[in-house]
Amino acid sequence: MNRINWFQASPKGAKALGSIHHYVTTATNLPAQLIHLVFLRVSQINGCAHCIDLHARDLIKGGMTVDKVMLVPVWHEAEYLFSDQERAALAWTEEVTRISETQASDQAYAAAAAFFNEQDLVDLTLSIAAMNAFNRMGISFRLKPAAKV
């Protein structure tokens, strides 16, 4: 079933959500690769094909190896590929994305706070929240990935 184009149906809503995305990708102190890594992991957890495709491509364009991108879903098993800060961001990403299960535990918060100052931790969490919102829109309205056969 074809679904509406949510960008066209609610341009003001799309712009509002886009403002958060613009902030986290252009106005924070977080490295661009870290933000896209977080975007990819959120999208993998939520199962948003469009966003997985988009952010995997962004990471590769930004210089991340295909090998590393392919192992993001199992980063715990391939942690040697990821920096301490990336592992902290990935762990916090999983904690916040699965918040109904985790309740953003004190232990997970302390682990993330060990690698990010207060503003960066807030901005990281905004990045996670924004991608969760985009995933819900993308999945609900069946945005197609750019991948071709």
C-alpha atoms as a PDB file:
ATOM      1  CA  MET A   1       0.000   0.000   0.000  1.00  0.00           C
ATOM      2  CA  ASN A   2       1.314   3.435  -0.895  1.00  0.00           C
ATOM      3  CA  ARG A   3       1.356   5.883   1.977  1.00  0.00           C
ATOM      4  CA  ILE A   4       1.390   9.643   2.046  1.00  0.00           C
ATOM      5  CA  ASN A   5       4.574  11.648   1.733  1.00  0.00           C
ATOM      6  CA  TRP A   6       4.749  13.097   5.231  1.00  0.00           C
ATOM      7  CA  PHE A   7       7.123  15.868   4.156  1.00  0.00           C
ATOM      8  CA  GLN A   8       4.554  17.134   1.646  1.00  0.00           C
ATOM      9  CA  ALA A   9       1.528  16.550   3.860  1.00  0.00           C
ATOM     10  CA  SER A  10       2.986  18.494   6.794  1.00  0.00           C
ATOM     11  CA  PRO A  11       5.838  20.717   5.640  1.00  0.00           C
ATOM     12  CA  LYS A  12       5.803  22.714   8.876  1.00  0.00           C
ATOM     13  CA  GLY A  13       6.012  19.510  10.913  1.00  0.00           C
ATOM     14  CA  ALA A  14       8.825  18.209   8.714  1.00  0.00           C
ATOM     15  CA  LYS A  15      10.637  21.532   9.107  1.00  0.00           C
ATOM     16  CA  ALA A  16      10.248  21.407  12.895  1.00  0.00           C
ATOM     17  CA  LEU A  17      11.722  17.917  13.093  1.00  0.00           C
ATOM     18  CA  GLY A  18      14.361  18.931  10.577  1.00  0.00           C
ATOM     19  CA  SER A  19      15.413  21.798  12.850  1.00  0.00           C
ATOM     20  CA  ILE A  20      16.473  19.328  15.535  1.00  0.00           C
ATOM     21  CA  HIS A  21      18.356  17.293  12.937  1.00  0.00           C
ATOM     22  CA  HIS A  22      20.040  20.441  11.646  1.00  0.00           C
ATOM     23  CA  TYR A  23      21.087  21.435  15.164  1.00  0.00           C
ATOM     24  CA  VAL A  24      22.632  18.077  16.055  1.00  0.00           C
ATOM     25  CA  THR A  25      24.445  17.741  12.729  1.00  0.00           C
ATOM     26  CA  THR A  26      25.797  21.290  12.463  1.00  0.00           C
ATOM     27  CA  ALA A  27      25.836  23.086  15.804  1.00  0.00           C
ATOM     28  CA  THR A  28      27.116  20.590  18.368  1.00  0.00           C
ATOM     29  CA  ASN A  29      30.644  19.664  19.399  1.00  0.00           C
ATOM     30  CA  LEU A  30      30.005  16.006  18.570  1.00  0.00           C
ATOM     31  CA  PRO A  31      32.014  14.579  15.661  1.00  0.00           C
ATOM     32  CA  ALA A  32      29.917  14.083  12.517  1.00  0.00           C
ATOM     33  CA  GLN A  33      30.951  10.424  12.274  1.00  0.00           C
ATOM     34  CA  LEU A  34      29.763   9.818  15.838  1.00  0.00           C
ATOM     35  CA  ILE A  35      26.384  11.379  15.109  1.00  0.00           C
ATOM     36  CA  HIS A  36      25.909   9.261  11.982  1.00  0.00           C
ATOM     37  CA  LEU A  37      27.035   6.178  13.903  1.00  0.00           C
ATOM     38  CA  VAL A  38      24.330   6.910  16.469  1.00  0.00           C
ATOM     39  CA  PHE A  39      21.783   7.555  13.705  1.00  0.00           C
ATOM     40  CA  LEU A  40      22.654   4.202  12.134  1.00  0.00           C
ATOM     41  CA  ARG A  41      22.398   2.264  15.394  1.00  0.00           C
ATOM     42  CA  VAL A  42      19.042   3.826  16.318  1.00  0.00           C
ATOM     43  CA  SER A  43      17.737   3.001  12.848  1.00  0.00           C
ATOM     44  CA  GLN A  44      18.960  -0.595  13.087  1.00  0.00           C
ATOM     45  CA  ILE A  45      17.212  -1.083  16.422  1.00  0.00           C
ATOM     46  CA  ASN A  46      13.990   0.407  15.071  1.00  0.00           C
ATOM     47  CA  GLY A  47      14.209  -1.349  11.705  1.00  0.00           C
ATOM     48  CA  CYS A  48      13.987   1.737   9.477  1.00  0.00           C
ATOM     49  CA  ALA A  49      15.319   0.594   6.094  1.00  0.00           C
ATOM     50  CA  HIS A  50      15.405   4.115   4.644  1.00  0.00           C
ATOM     51  CA  CYS A  51      17.487   5.485   7.526  1.00  0.00           C
ATOM     52  CA  ILE A  52      19.778   2.444   7.745  1.00  0.00           C
ATOM     53  CA  ASP A  53      20.581   2.843   4.060  1.00  0.00           C
ATOM     54  CA  LEU A  54      21.054   6.615   4.361  1.00  0.00           C
ATOM     55  CA  HIS A  55      23.280   6.626   7.434  1.00  0.00           C
ATOM     56  CA  ALA A  56      25.403   3.655   6.387  1.00  0.00           C
ATOM     57  CA  ARG A  57      26.129   5.563   3.175  1.00  0.00           C
ATOM     58  CA  ASP A  58      26.896   8.739   5.180  1.00  0.00           C
ATOM     59  CA  LEU A  59      29.386   6.854   7.355  1.00  0.00           C
ATOM     60  CA  ILE A  60      31.137   5.318   4.354  1.00  0.00           C
ATOM     61  CA  LYS A  61      31.269   8.692   2.575  1.00  0.00           C
ATOM     62  CA  GLY A  62      32.764  10.127   5.758  1.00  0.00           C
ATOM     63  CA  GLY A  63      35.577   7.586   5.695  1.00  0.00           C
ATOM     64  CA  MET A  64      34.351   4.737   7.891  1.00  0.00           C
ATOM     65  CA  THR A  65      35.276   1.352   6.469  1.00  0.00           C
ATOM     66  CA  VAL A  66      32.565  -0.947   5.160  1.00  0.00           C
ATOM     67  CA  ASP A  67      33.870  -3.606   7.580  1.00  0.00           C
ATOM     68  CA  LYS A  68      33.188  -1.351  10.564  1.00  0.00           C
ATOM     69  CA  VAL A  69      29.786  -0.221   9.280  1.00  0.00           C
ATOM     70  CA  MET A  70      28.738  -3.840   8.769  1.00  0.00           C
ATOM     71  CA  LEU A  71      29.591  -4.681  12.384  1.00  0.00           C
ATOM     72  CA  VAL A  72      27.689  -1.834  14.056  1.00  0.00           C
ATOM     73  CA  PRO A  73      24.766  -4.131  15.018  1.00  0.00           C
ATOM     74  CA  VAL A  74      27.206  -6.413  16.860  1.00  0.00           C
ATOM     75  CA  TRP A  75      29.605  -3.758  18.141  1.00  0.00           C
ATOM     76  CA  HIS A  76      29.789  -5.539  21.515  1.00  0.00           C
ATOM     77  CA  GLU A  77      31.490  -8.455  19.758  1.00  0.00           C
ATOM     78  CA  ALA A  78      33.724  -6.225  17.633  1.00  0.00           C
ATOM     79  CA  GLU A  79      34.396  -3.532  20.206  1.00  0.00           C
ATOM     80  CA  TYR A  80      38.073  -3.322  19.229  1.00  0.00           C
ATOM     81  CA  LEU A  81      36.923  -1.522  16.041  1.00  0.00           C
ATOM     82  CA  PHE A  82      35.264   1.258  18.031  1.00  0.00           C
ATOM     83  CA  SER A  83      36.851   3.958  20.187  1.00  0.00           C
ATOM     84  CA  ASP A  84      35.954   4.305  23.859  1.00  0.00           C
ATOM     85  CA  GLN A  85      33.771   7.311  23.013  1.00  0.00           C
ATOM     86  CA  GLU A  86      32.027   5.438  20.179  1.00  0.00           C
ATOM     87  CA  ARG A  87      31.320   2.472  22.464  1.00  0.00           C
ATOM     88  CA  ALA A  88      29.925   4.823  25.132  1.00  0.00           C
ATOM     89  CA  ALA A  89      27.734   6.530  22.522  1.00  0.00           C
ATOM     90  CA  LEU A  90      26.509   3.216  21.129  1.00  0.00           C
ATOM     91  CA  ALA A  91      25.669   1.908  24.604  1.00  0.00           C
ATOM     92  CA  TRP A  92      23.774   5.112  25.484  1.00  0.00           C
ATOM     93  CA  THR A  93      22.028   4.948  22.104  1.00  0.00           C
ATOM     94  CA  GLU A  94      20.735   1.475  22.858  1.00  0.00           C
ATOM     95  CA  GLU A  95      19.710   2.496  26.373  1.00  0.00           C
ATOM     96  CA  VAL A  96      17.750   5.552  25.219  1.00  0.00           C
ATOM     97  CA  THR A  97      16.224   3.905  22.146  1.00  0.00           C
ATOM     98  CA  ARG A  98      14.967   1.004  24.294  1.00  0.00           C
ATOM     99  CA  ILE A  99      13.901   3.346  27.092  1.00  0.00           C
ATOM    100  CA  SER A 100      10.623   1.498  27.765  1.00  0.00           C
ATOM    101  CA  GLU A 101      12.758  -1.500  28.771  1.00  0.00           C
ATOM    102  CA  THR A 102      15.780   0.224  30.316  1.00  0.00           C
ATOM    103  CA  GLN A 103      14.365   3.375  31.905  1.00  0.00           C
ATOM    104  CA  ALA A 104      17.769   4.976  31.124  1.00  0.00           C
ATOM    105  CA  SER A 105      19.429   3.331  34.102  1.00  0.00           C
ATOM    106  CA  ASP A 106      21.765   5.182  36.451  1.00  0.00           C
ATOM    107  CA  GLN A 107      24.542   2.767  35.503  1.00  0.00           C
ATOM    108  CA  ALA A 108      24.155   3.507  31.784  1.00  0.00           C
ATOM    109  CA  TYR A 109      23.934   7.246  32.457  1.00  0.00           C
ATOM    110  CA  ALA A 110      27.135   7.188  34.506  1.00  0.00           C
ATOM    111  CA  ALA A 111      28.920   5.222  31.776  1.00  0.00           C
ATOM    112  CA  ALA A 112      27.906   7.759  29.127  1.00  0.00           C
ATOM    113  CA  ALA A 113      28.704  10.732  31.372  1.00  0.00           C
ATOM    114  CA  ALA A 114      32.241   9.388  31.779  1.00  0.00           C
ATOM    115  CA  PHE A 115      32.906  10.112  28.082  1.00  0.00           C
ATOM    116  CA  PHE A 116      30.786  13.203  27.414  1.00  0.00           C
ATOM    117  CA  ASN A 117      30.556  16.552  29.170  1.00  0.00           C
ATOM    118  CA  GLU A 118      27.087  17.787  30.138  1.00  0.00           C
ATOM    119  CA  GLN A 119      26.315  19.639  26.912  1.00  0.00           C
ATOM    120  CA  ASP A 120      27.659  16.850  24.719  1.00  0.00           C
ATOM    121  CA  LEU A 121      25.608  14.263  26.610  1.00  0.00           C
ATOM    122  CA  VAL A 122      22.469  16.343  26.128  1.00  0.00           C
ATOM    123  CA  ASP A 123      23.309  16.823  22.439  1.00  0.00           C
ATOM    124  CA  LEU A 124      24.001  13.096  22.057  1.00  0.00           C
ATOM    125  CA  THR A 125      20.629  12.340  23.632  1.00  0.00           C
ATOM    126  CA  LEU A 126      18.948  14.889  21.338  1.00  0.00           C
ATOM    127  CA  SER A 127      20.580  13.084  18.395  1.00  0.00           C
ATOM    128  CA  ILE A 128      19.185   9.775  19.597  1.00  0.00           C
ATOM    129  CA  ALA A 129      15.726  11.259  20.217  1.00  0.00           C
ATOM    130  CA  ALA A 130      15.638  12.968  16.820  1.00  0.00           C
ATOM    131  CA  MET A 131      16.561   9.784  14.973  1.00  0.00           C
ATOM    132  CA  ASN A 132      13.950   7.829  16.912  1.00  0.00           C
ATOM    133  CA  ALA A 133      11.373  10.398  15.762  1.00  0.00           C
ATOM    134  CA  PHE A 134      12.582  10.234  12.149  1.00  0.00           C
ATOM    135  CA  ASN A 135      12.458   6.432  12.264  1.00  0.00           C
ATOM    136  CA  ARG A 136       8.881   6.504  13.434  1.00  0.00           C
ATOM    137  CA  MET A 137       7.962   8.785  10.563  1.00  0.00           C
ATOM    138  CA  GLY A 138       9.974   6.798   8.025  1.00  0.00           C
ATOM    139  CA  ILE A 139       8.555   3.450   9.079  1.00  0.00           C
ATOM    140  CA  SER A 140       4.982   4.709   9.484  1.00  0.00           C
ATOM    141  CA  PHE A 141       4.966   6.256   6.027  1.00  0.00           C
ATOM    142  CA  ARG A 142       7.189   3.566   4.422  1.00  0.00           C
ATOM    143  CA  LEU A 143      10.022   5.740   3.144  1.00  0.00           C
ATOM    144  CA  LYS A 144      11.974   3.705   0.616  1.00  0.00           C
ATOM    145  CA  PRO A 145      15.729   3.188   0.875  1.00  0.00           C
ATOM    146  CA  ALA A 146      17.903   4.488  -1.949  1.00  0.00           C
ATOM    147  CA  ALA A 147      19.438   1.028  -2.465  1.00  0.00           C
ATOM    148  CA  LYS A 148      18.961  -0.492  -5.912  1.00  0.00           C
ATOM    149  CA  VAL A 149      19.052  -4.099  -7.060  1.00  0.00           C
END
